[in-house]
């Protein structure tokens, strides 16, 4: 597989980044690209933020004034990407991940922070490659299957359902 560059920047102080988490994010990005048979070198930016920072971005770009777990900012459309002329890599886009939300959701779903961050990274990588689940239906199911396939490959299979009981919502 071609060279994949994952640039990770921690812009938050709310959650200490566990040892190995950056490597997991890189492995996850690579696993998604391999699964999708992505051709050529690629570059992805991953930014760890807190809830306040992601809420501002969510309000600015999605008109939703609430914190969310992850935002994806694709740089390509229909398989056409900007190129980093210094490296010839396709610039896939930015992943902005709330570490506070990741901790909350890991607790809620009863799994590790590593699994949650891996899942959110896989989810966001699929968005960078053009997948969308907003309309629901088969597109949502297909995306969830791909996310879980990557989690199994990384040794982080689901141990619980993502469906909450009504009293947990």
Protein backbone atom coordinates (compact mmCIF):
# COMPACT_ATOMS: atom_id res chain seq x y z
CA UNK A 1 0.00 0.00 0.00
CA UNK A 2 1.14 3.55 -0.74
CA UNK A 3 2.35 5.92 1.96
CA UNK A 4 -0.36 7.25 4.26
CA UNK A 5 0.42 10.34 6.31
CA UNK A 6 -1.78 10.97 9.33
CA UNK A 7 -1.08 14.31 11.00
CA UNK A 8 -2.40 14.34 14.58
CA UNK A 9 -2.75 17.52 16.64
CA UNK A 10 -4.01 17.62 20.22
CA UNK A 11 -5.70 20.99 20.82
CA UNK A 12 -7.42 20.10 24.10
CA UNK A 13 -6.44 19.61 27.73
CA UNK A 14 -9.64 18.00 29.06
CA UNK A 15 -8.56 14.39 28.45
CA UNK A 16 -5.07 12.95 28.75
CA UNK A 17 -4.26 11.13 25.50
CA UNK A 18 -3.44 7.51 26.43
CA UNK A 19 -0.21 5.95 25.20
CA UNK A 20 -0.78 4.25 21.88
CA UNK A 21 -3.91 6.22 20.92
CA UNK A 22 -2.17 8.15 18.16
CA UNK A 23 -0.85 4.87 16.71
CA UNK A 24 -4.37 3.40 16.88
CA UNK A 25 -5.73 6.39 14.93
CA UNK A 26 -3.05 5.87 12.27
CA UNK A 27 -3.77 2.13 12.09
CA UNK A 28 -7.48 2.86 11.76
CA UNK A 29 -6.95 5.32 8.90
CA UNK A 30 -4.76 2.76 7.13
CA UNK A 31 -7.31 -0.04 7.69
CA UNK A 32 -10.14 1.99 6.15
CA UNK A 33 -8.05 2.94 3.12
CA UNK A 34 -6.94 -0.67 2.63
CA UNK A 35 -10.53 -1.96 2.99
CA UNK A 36 -11.70 0.61 0.42
CA UNK A 37 -8.81 -0.24 -1.94
CA UNK A 38 -7.73 3.42 -1.97
CA UNK A 39 -5.07 4.05 -4.62
CA UNK A 40 -2.00 6.22 -4.13
CA UNK A 41 -0.49 8.15 -1.23
CA UNK A 42 -2.87 9.97 1.10
CA UNK A 43 -2.81 12.62 3.80
CA UNK A 44 -5.30 12.98 6.65
CA UNK A 45 -5.39 15.52 9.47
CA UNK A 46 -6.81 14.43 12.85
CA UNK A 47 -7.40 17.04 15.54
CA UNK A 48 -8.35 16.22 19.13
CA UNK A 49 -10.53 18.94 20.68
CA UNK A 50 -12.79 19.40 23.71
CA UNK A 51 -16.59 19.75 23.74
CA UNK A 52 -16.50 23.54 23.66
CA UNK A 53 -14.29 23.60 20.57
CA UNK A 54 -16.33 21.02 18.67
CA UNK A 55 -19.59 22.76 19.61
CA UNK A 56 -18.32 25.97 17.98
CA UNK A 57 -17.40 24.07 14.80
CA UNK A 58 -20.71 22.18 14.79
CA UNK A 59 -22.60 25.48 15.09
CA UNK A 60 -20.49 27.16 12.41
CA UNK A 61 -20.56 24.38 9.81
CA UNK A 62 -23.73 22.41 10.56
CA UNK A 63 -25.95 24.99 12.33
CA UNK A 64 -26.18 22.65 15.33
CA UNK A 65 -25.19 24.50 18.51
CA UNK A 66 -24.37 21.36 20.52
CA UNK A 67 -21.19 19.38 21.04
CA UNK A 68 -20.86 16.31 18.84
CA UNK A 69 -18.41 13.42 18.87
CA UNK A 70 -16.66 13.85 15.52
CA UNK A 71 -16.78 16.12 12.49
CA UNK A 72 -15.44 15.30 9.04
CA UNK A 73 -14.24 17.90 6.57
CA UNK A 74 -13.65 16.11 3.24
CA UNK A 75 -11.29 17.78 0.78
CA UNK A 76 -12.37 15.69 -2.17
CA UNK A 77 -15.48 15.03 -4.15
CA UNK A 78 -16.33 12.01 -6.32
CA UNK A 79 -12.86 10.56 -5.81
CA UNK A 80 -11.06 13.76 -6.88
CA UNK A 81 -8.78 15.23 -4.20
CA UNK A 82 -6.44 18.16 -3.76
CA UNK A 83 -2.81 17.10 -4.02
CA UNK A 84 0.03 17.99 -1.66
CA UNK A 85 2.57 18.86 -4.35
CA UNK A 86 5.51 18.29 -1.99
CA UNK A 87 4.53 14.63 -1.42
CA UNK A 88 2.10 13.93 -4.30
CA UNK A 89 -0.36 12.69 -1.67
CA UNK A 90 -4.11 13.08 -2.06
CA UNK A 91 -5.38 15.32 0.76
CA UNK A 92 -8.44 13.50 2.05
CA UNK A 93 -9.47 16.08 4.66
CA UNK A 94 -9.74 16.77 8.36
CA UNK A 95 -11.16 14.73 11.22
CA UNK A 96 -12.05 16.72 14.34
CA UNK A 97 -12.68 14.47 17.32
CA UNK A 98 -13.99 15.54 20.74
CA UNK A 99 -12.02 13.62 23.33
CA UNK A 100 -14.56 14.58 26.01
CA UNK A 101 -17.41 13.08 23.94
CA UNK A 102 -15.32 9.99 23.22
CA UNK A 103 -14.85 9.43 26.98
CA UNK A 104 -18.59 10.00 27.61
CA UNK A 105 -19.61 7.58 24.86
CA UNK A 106 -17.10 4.90 25.86
CA UNK A 107 -18.62 5.01 29.34
CA UNK A 108 -22.17 5.00 27.97
CA UNK A 109 -21.58 2.03 25.68
CA UNK A 110 -19.42 0.11 28.15
CA UNK A 111 -16.26 -0.17 26.09
CA UNK A 112 -12.76 1.28 26.07
CA UNK A 113 -11.77 4.78 25.03
CA UNK A 114 -9.54 3.13 22.41
CA UNK A 115 -12.52 1.36 20.83
CA UNK A 116 -14.55 4.59 20.81
CA UNK A 117 -11.77 6.67 19.25
CA UNK A 118 -11.10 3.90 16.72
CA UNK A 119 -14.77 3.71 15.83
CA UNK A 120 -15.10 7.50 15.47
CA UNK A 121 -11.96 7.58 13.32
CA UNK A 122 -13.27 4.81 11.03
CA UNK A 123 -16.64 6.58 10.82
CA UNK A 124 -15.03 9.87 9.90
CA UNK A 125 -12.61 8.27 7.41
CA UNK A 126 -15.59 6.79 5.56
CA UNK A 127 -17.10 10.29 5.39
CA UNK A 128 -13.82 11.60 3.94
CA UNK A 129 -14.13 8.92 1.25
CA UNK A 130 -17.68 10.01 0.35
CA UNK A 131 -19.89 7.77 2.50
CA UNK A 132 -22.97 9.35 4.07
CA UNK A 133 -25.47 8.03 6.59
CA UNK A 134 -27.63 11.14 7.09
CA UNK A 135 -30.45 9.81 4.91
CA UNK A 136 -30.57 6.52 6.86
CA UNK A 137 -31.65 3.32 5.14
CA UNK A 138 -29.20 1.07 3.34
CA UNK A 139 -26.45 3.74 3.24
CA UNK A 140 -26.46 3.90 7.04
CA UNK A 141 -26.40 0.08 7.34
CA UNK A 142 -23.55 -0.22 4.81
CA UNK A 143 -21.50 2.40 6.63
CA UNK A 144 -22.05 0.72 10.02
CA UNK A 145 -20.96 -2.65 8.58
CA UNK A 146 -17.75 -1.11 7.23
CA UNK A 147 -17.03 0.60 10.56
CA UNK A 148 -17.44 -2.69 12.42
CA UNK A 149 -15.29 -4.54 9.87
CA UNK A 150 -12.43 -2.13 10.60
CA UNK A 151 -12.95 -2.48 14.37
CA UNK A 152 -12.72 -6.28 14.09
CA UNK A 153 -9.54 -5.99 11.97
CA UNK A 154 -8.00 -3.81 14.69
CA UNK A 155 -8.96 -6.25 17.42
CA UNK A 156 -11.65 -3.93 18.84
CA UNK A 157 -14.92 -5.76 18.12
CA UNK A 158 -18.18 -4.48 19.50
CA UNK A 159 -19.05 -5.82 22.92
CA UNK A 160 -22.40 -4.08 23.19
CA UNK A 161 -25.18 -2.62 21.13
CA UNK A 162 -25.22 1.00 20.04
CA UNK A 163 -28.98 0.98 20.48
CA UNK A 164 -29.96 2.55 23.79
CA UNK A 165 -33.01 1.67 25.82
CA UNK A 166 -35.51 4.52 26.02
CA UNK A 167 -34.55 5.32 29.61
CA UNK A 168 -30.87 5.72 28.63
CA UNK A 169 -31.46 8.35 25.93
